[in-house]
Protein backbone atom coordinates (compact mmCIF):
# COMPACT_ATOMS: atom_id res chain seq x y z
CA MET A 1 -33.18 30.58 -43.89
CA GLY A 2 -34.04 28.95 -47.14
CA SER A 3 -33.31 31.24 -49.76
CA SER A 4 -34.06 34.59 -47.94
CA ARG A 5 -31.07 37.05 -47.35
CA ILE A 6 -30.79 38.96 -44.25
CA THR A 7 -28.30 41.55 -43.42
CA GLY A 8 -28.42 44.46 -41.29
CA GLY A 9 -31.90 43.83 -39.98
CA LEU A 10 -33.19 43.75 -43.59
CA ALA A 11 -34.83 40.57 -45.12
CA ILE A 12 -35.27 39.60 -48.80
CA LEU A 13 -37.65 36.51 -48.51
CA GLY A 14 -37.23 33.91 -51.19
CA PRO A 15 -40.29 32.13 -52.93
CA GLU A 16 -40.99 29.77 -50.41
CA GLU A 17 -40.71 32.13 -47.22
CA THR A 18 -42.77 34.69 -49.22
CA ALA A 19 -45.77 31.92 -50.03
CA LEU A 20 -45.78 31.29 -46.06
CA LEU A 21 -45.88 34.83 -45.16
CA ARG A 22 -48.61 35.69 -47.71
CA LEU A 23 -50.46 32.67 -46.41
CA LEU A 24 -50.48 33.79 -42.95
CA ASP A 25 -51.39 37.43 -43.87
CA ASP A 26 -54.39 36.41 -46.12
CA THR A 27 -55.54 34.38 -43.16
CA PHE A 28 -55.31 37.15 -40.59
CA ALA A 29 -56.92 39.62 -43.01
CA ARG A 30 -59.80 36.91 -43.80
CA TRP A 31 -60.33 36.93 -39.93
CA ALA A 32 -60.82 40.46 -40.17
CA THR A 33 -62.99 40.97 -43.32
CA ASP A 34 -65.26 37.96 -42.12
CA ALA A 35 -65.74 40.17 -38.79
CA GLY A 36 -66.78 43.11 -41.09
CA ALA A 37 -63.49 45.10 -41.38
CA GLY A 38 -63.01 47.13 -44.31
CA GLU A 39 -59.45 46.73 -45.77
CA ILE A 40 -57.60 49.97 -45.97
CA SER A 41 -54.05 50.81 -47.53
CA ALA A 42 -51.36 53.19 -46.14
CA PRO A 43 -48.03 54.71 -47.36
CA PRO A 44 -44.63 53.54 -45.74
CA VAL A 45 -43.84 56.99 -44.46
CA TYR A 46 -45.72 60.04 -42.86
CA PRO A 47 -44.96 63.49 -42.57
CA VAL A 48 -42.84 63.85 -39.02
CA ASP A 49 -45.78 66.28 -37.44
CA GLU A 50 -48.36 63.67 -37.76
CA LEU A 51 -46.32 61.12 -36.21
CA ALA A 52 -45.26 63.45 -33.71
CA ASN A 53 -49.07 64.38 -32.76
CA LEU A 54 -49.26 60.50 -31.92
CA ASP A 55 -46.44 60.90 -29.52
CA LEU A 56 -44.19 58.66 -31.54
CA TYR A 57 -41.17 60.88 -30.64
CA VAL A 58 -41.96 60.99 -27.01
CA ASN A 59 -42.46 57.40 -26.50
CA PHE A 60 -39.98 55.61 -28.88
CA PRO A 61 -37.28 58.13 -29.73
CA HIS A 62 -34.60 55.43 -29.73
CA LEU A 63 -36.49 53.47 -32.31
CA ALA A 64 -37.36 56.22 -34.54
CA LEU A 65 -36.18 56.71 -38.15
CA VAL A 66 -36.76 59.69 -40.34
CA ALA A 67 -36.01 60.40 -44.14
CA GLY A 68 -35.35 63.50 -46.33
CA GLY A 69 -34.11 64.52 -49.53
CA LEU A 70 -30.40 64.65 -50.89
CA GLU A 71 -29.09 68.15 -51.68
CA ALA A 72 -27.98 68.24 -55.30
CA PRO A 73 -25.51 67.59 -56.94
CA THR A 74 -24.05 65.25 -53.96
CA PRO A 75 -21.26 62.76 -54.19
CA GLY A 76 -22.12 59.00 -53.49
CA PRO A 77 -22.27 57.74 -49.85
CA SER A 78 -18.89 57.37 -47.99
CA GLU A 79 -18.46 54.35 -45.53
CA GLY A 80 -22.26 53.33 -45.94
CA ARG A 81 -23.90 57.10 -45.33
CA PHE A 82 -24.21 60.24 -46.83
CA PRO A 83 -22.83 63.27 -44.76
CA PRO A 84 -25.52 64.99 -42.64
CA GLU A 85 -24.87 68.40 -44.34
CA ARG A 86 -26.13 66.88 -47.67
CA VAL A 87 -29.31 65.62 -46.31
CA VAL A 88 -32.32 68.04 -46.85
CA GLY A 89 -34.51 68.58 -43.55
CA PRO A 90 -35.78 65.09 -42.85
CA HIS A 91 -39.24 65.76 -43.07
CA LEU A 92 -40.71 61.94 -43.37
CA GLY A 93 -41.11 59.66 -40.43
CA LEU A 94 -41.02 56.02 -40.61
CA PRO A 95 -43.89 54.29 -38.65
CA THR A 96 -42.99 51.82 -35.73
CA ALA A 97 -46.58 50.51 -36.04
CA THR A 98 -49.29 49.83 -38.57
CA CYS A 99 -52.24 51.05 -36.92
CA PHE A 100 -51.20 54.70 -37.02
CA ALA A 101 -52.73 55.00 -40.44
CA ALA A 102 -56.23 54.02 -39.22
CA TYR A 103 -56.41 56.75 -37.11
CA LEU A 104 -54.94 59.45 -39.51
CA LEU A 105 -57.46 58.10 -42.11
CA HIS A 106 -60.35 59.07 -39.70
CA GLN A 107 -59.02 62.22 -38.14
CA ASP A 108 -61.54 64.97 -37.83
CA ARG A 109 -64.18 62.70 -38.63
CA GLN A 110 -67.35 61.17 -36.74
CA VAL A 111 -67.54 57.55 -37.33
CA PRO A 112 -69.96 54.81 -36.31
CA ARG A 113 -69.55 53.10 -32.99
CA ASP A 114 -68.45 49.57 -34.17
CA THR A 115 -65.95 50.81 -36.93
CA LEU A 116 -63.40 48.15 -37.76
CA VAL A 117 -60.72 48.29 -40.44
CA THR A 118 -57.59 46.08 -41.26
CA LEU A 119 -54.48 46.77 -43.06
CA VAL A 120 -50.95 45.43 -43.53
CA ASN A 121 -47.82 47.77 -43.75
CA ARG A 122 -44.21 48.14 -43.50
CA CYS A 123 -42.73 49.18 -39.90
CA PHE A 124 -39.53 50.28 -38.97
CA ARG A 125 -37.53 50.17 -35.63
CA ASN A 126 -34.13 51.06 -35.09
CA GLU A 127 -33.50 48.26 -32.47
CA SER A 128 -30.06 48.25 -30.66
CA ARG A 129 -29.58 44.48 -32.16
CA PHE A 130 -31.11 42.42 -34.97
CA ASP A 131 -31.76 38.84 -34.81
CA GLY A 132 -32.64 36.86 -38.25
CA LEU A 133 -36.31 37.23 -38.85
CA ARG A 134 -37.09 37.40 -34.85
CA ARG A 135 -36.04 41.20 -34.70
CA LEU A 136 -35.85 43.23 -37.81
CA LEU A 137 -35.37 46.86 -38.91
CA SER A 138 -38.16 46.66 -41.37
CA PHE A 139 -40.92 44.32 -41.10
CA GLN A 140 -44.36 43.70 -42.06
CA MET A 141 -47.30 43.81 -39.56
CA ARG A 142 -51.02 43.26 -40.23
CA GLU A 143 -53.38 44.76 -37.88
CA ILE A 144 -56.95 44.80 -37.12
CA VAL A 145 -58.24 48.08 -35.53
CA ALA A 146 -61.33 48.78 -33.86
CA ILE A 147 -62.49 52.49 -33.38
CA GLY A 148 -65.81 53.59 -31.67
CA SER A 149 -67.18 52.73 -28.48
CA PHE A 150 -64.85 51.28 -25.53
CA GLU A 151 -67.28 48.13 -25.56
CA HIS A 152 -66.38 47.70 -29.19
CA THR A 153 -62.74 47.55 -28.81
CA GLN A 154 -63.17 45.14 -25.92
CA THR A 155 -65.41 42.87 -28.14
CA VAL A 156 -62.97 42.94 -30.89
CA ILE A 157 -59.82 42.05 -28.63
CA GLY A 158 -61.62 39.47 -26.65
CA ARG A 159 -62.81 37.79 -30.11
CA PHE A 160 -59.53 37.71 -31.72
CA ARG A 161 -57.73 36.74 -28.80
CA GLN A 162 -59.79 33.60 -28.76
CA ARG A 163 -59.10 33.08 -32.35
CA ILE A 164 -55.33 33.55 -31.96
CA GLU A 165 -55.24 31.18 -29.03
CA GLU A 166 -57.16 28.47 -31.04
CA PHE A 167 -55.03 28.88 -34.09
CA LEU A 168 -51.80 28.53 -32.30
CA GLY A 169 -53.36 25.37 -30.97
CA ARG A 170 -54.10 24.14 -34.14
CA LEU A 171 -50.56 24.48 -34.77
CA SER A 172 -49.31 22.85 -31.78
CA LEU A 173 -47.65 25.91 -30.73
CA ASP A 174 -47.34 26.47 -27.03
CA VAL A 175 -48.29 30.01 -26.26
CA THR A 176 -47.80 32.26 -23.16
CA VAL A 177 -49.90 35.27 -22.93
CA GLU A 178 -48.37 38.03 -21.02
CA ALA A 179 -49.05 41.28 -19.84
CA ALA A 180 -46.56 43.55 -21.71
CA SER A 181 -43.98 45.96 -20.11
CA ASP A 182 -43.82 47.45 -23.18
CA PRO A 183 -40.03 48.00 -24.31
CA PHE A 184 -40.85 50.76 -26.88
CA PHE A 185 -41.66 52.96 -24.15
CA GLN A 186 -38.80 54.74 -22.65
CA ALA A 187 -38.16 52.79 -19.46
CA ASP A 188 -38.10 55.79 -17.19
CA GLY A 189 -41.23 57.47 -18.91
CA ALA A 190 -44.54 58.09 -17.10
CA ARG A 191 -46.41 55.72 -19.79
CA ALA A 192 -44.03 52.90 -19.03
CA LEU A 193 -45.03 53.06 -15.47
CA LEU A 194 -48.81 53.19 -16.13
CA GLN A 195 -48.57 50.13 -18.32
CA ARG A 196 -46.73 48.28 -15.76
CA VAL A 197 -49.51 49.25 -13.13
CA GLN A 198 -52.33 48.94 -15.42
CA PRO A 199 -51.61 46.65 -18.52
CA VAL A 200 -53.21 47.92 -21.84
CA LYS A 201 -51.32 45.42 -23.89
CA TYR A 202 -51.13 41.42 -23.96
CA GLU A 203 -48.43 39.69 -26.14
CA PHE A 204 -48.68 35.91 -27.40
CA GLN A 205 -45.38 34.56 -27.01
CA VAL A 206 -43.94 31.50 -28.76
CA ASP A 207 -40.43 30.23 -28.14
CA ASP A 208 -39.81 33.55 -25.99
CA LEU A 209 -41.00 35.65 -29.01
CA ALA A 210 -43.83 37.98 -29.12
CA ILE A 211 -45.55 37.04 -32.58
CA ALA A 212 -48.99 38.93 -31.99
CA SER A 213 -50.64 41.44 -29.42
CA VAL A 214 -53.82 42.77 -28.47
CA ASN A 215 -53.82 46.62 -27.46
CA THR A 216 -56.31 48.75 -25.66
CA HIS A 217 -55.39 52.50 -26.37
CA ARG A 218 -58.60 53.88 -24.61
CA ASN A 219 -59.30 57.30 -26.12
CA PHE A 220 -55.72 58.46 -26.86
CA PHE A 221 -55.72 58.32 -30.49
CA GLY A 222 -59.46 59.55 -30.72
CA GLU A 223 -58.41 62.73 -28.83
CA ARG A 224 -55.13 63.16 -30.88
CA CYS A 225 -56.91 62.85 -34.00
CA ARG A 226 -60.24 64.12 -32.93
CA ILE A 227 -62.20 61.05 -34.13
CA THR A 228 -65.71 61.11 -32.64
CA VAL A 229 -68.67 58.41 -32.31
CA GLU A 230 -71.93 58.71 -33.80
CA PRO A 231 -74.55 59.78 -32.77
CA ASP A 232 -73.50 62.03 -29.50
CA GLY A 233 -70.10 63.15 -30.79
CA SER A 234 -67.96 61.46 -27.81
CA THR A 235 -64.35 60.94 -28.26
CA ALA A 236 -63.58 57.43 -29.76
CA PHE A 237 -62.00 54.93 -28.07
CA THR A 238 -59.52 52.48 -30.07
CA GLY A 239 -58.06 48.94 -29.77
CA CYS A 240 -55.87 46.71 -32.40
CA VAL A 241 -54.80 43.26 -32.89
CA ALA A 242 -51.33 42.84 -34.25
CA PHE A 243 -49.26 40.13 -35.88
CA GLY A 244 -45.82 40.45 -36.85
CA LEU A 245 -45.57 38.59 -39.95
CA GLU A 246 -41.85 37.74 -40.14
CA ARG A 247 -42.04 36.80 -36.54
CA TRP A 248 -44.56 33.97 -37.31
CA LEU A 249 -42.47 33.09 -40.29
CA ALA A 250 -39.57 32.64 -37.82
CA VAL A 251 -41.49 30.63 -35.30
CA LEU A 252 -42.91 28.29 -38.04
CA VAL A 253 -39.71 27.80 -39.95
CA ASP A 254 -37.61 26.91 -36.76
CA ARG A 255 -40.17 24.67 -35.61
CA HIS A 256 -40.81 22.50 -38.96
CA GLY A 257 -37.25 23.26 -40.70
CA SER A 258 -38.52 24.86 -43.99
CA ALA A 259 -40.99 27.35 -45.24
CA GLY A 260 -42.48 24.65 -47.47
CA GLN A 261 -43.03 22.13 -44.54
CA ALA A 262 -44.38 24.96 -42.42
CA ARG A 263 -46.74 25.96 -44.85
CA ALA A 264 -48.17 22.60 -45.42
CA VAL A 265 -48.61 22.53 -41.61
CA VAL A 266 -50.65 25.65 -41.63
CA GLU A 267 -52.77 24.79 -44.51
CA GLN A 268 -53.66 21.61 -42.81
CA ALA A 269 -54.87 23.70 -39.64
CA LEU A 270 -56.94 25.58 -41.73
CA ARG A 271 -58.55 22.83 -43.24
CA GLU A 272 -59.64 21.26 -40.05
CA PRO A 273 -63.40 21.61 -39.17
CA HIS A 274 -64.70 23.89 -36.73
CA PHE A 275 -62.38 26.24 -36.75
CA VAL A 276 -63.84 29.50 -35.24
């Protein structure tokens, strides 16, 4: 794809692809800040006990990646890896989603009922297979995260669902909105069954690829991170809107032939009047 390099689920984007990705991310970030979201920043790794508290290793053990230091001195890697005995206690976890930072930031805090933040971060998933920019080991995800009352989370999700659908229409991309049977849950797990019975995640699929989603978490993260809501101290509800940036890139470049041409199409769509 253009001047990008993709190997082993890892992508180095060339200048044109990077420019298109930045345009998309700037657009989604502006949607968030126009709605009153504050921009936050997050690290690419977390202590494993913090991610364990969010059930990452219960829900997604097949996708999880961890990191630790190397025992020194140590010889170089052999056949692309270090011997396990030379790795010092992997104590850092690589997140599978960007929104974890929003809950950890507000842990043990009381927040307004209409709290809204946005951030972009690296995510990591140890997929069974990789497929160009459509499915990567490391990728960038922009999220808009609502914390507070249940009504607030649903208002945010409804607002951005409408905006995503209109934007895709402006880009002449046919979209299917599907209730997700999330492959990130263990197939035989209780939460996977619950999600099939009572969907809490909807995906926006273009060319059979989920490029965005809206997610209702109810009060799960509020309970785990002990986030409460002003003024009564009730447990916070959360919800988020997620954009897989490389996936948007994959769909647009495949449709228009190059990142440069795709960028021109996106810029034209953004210039059209009456865009919500």
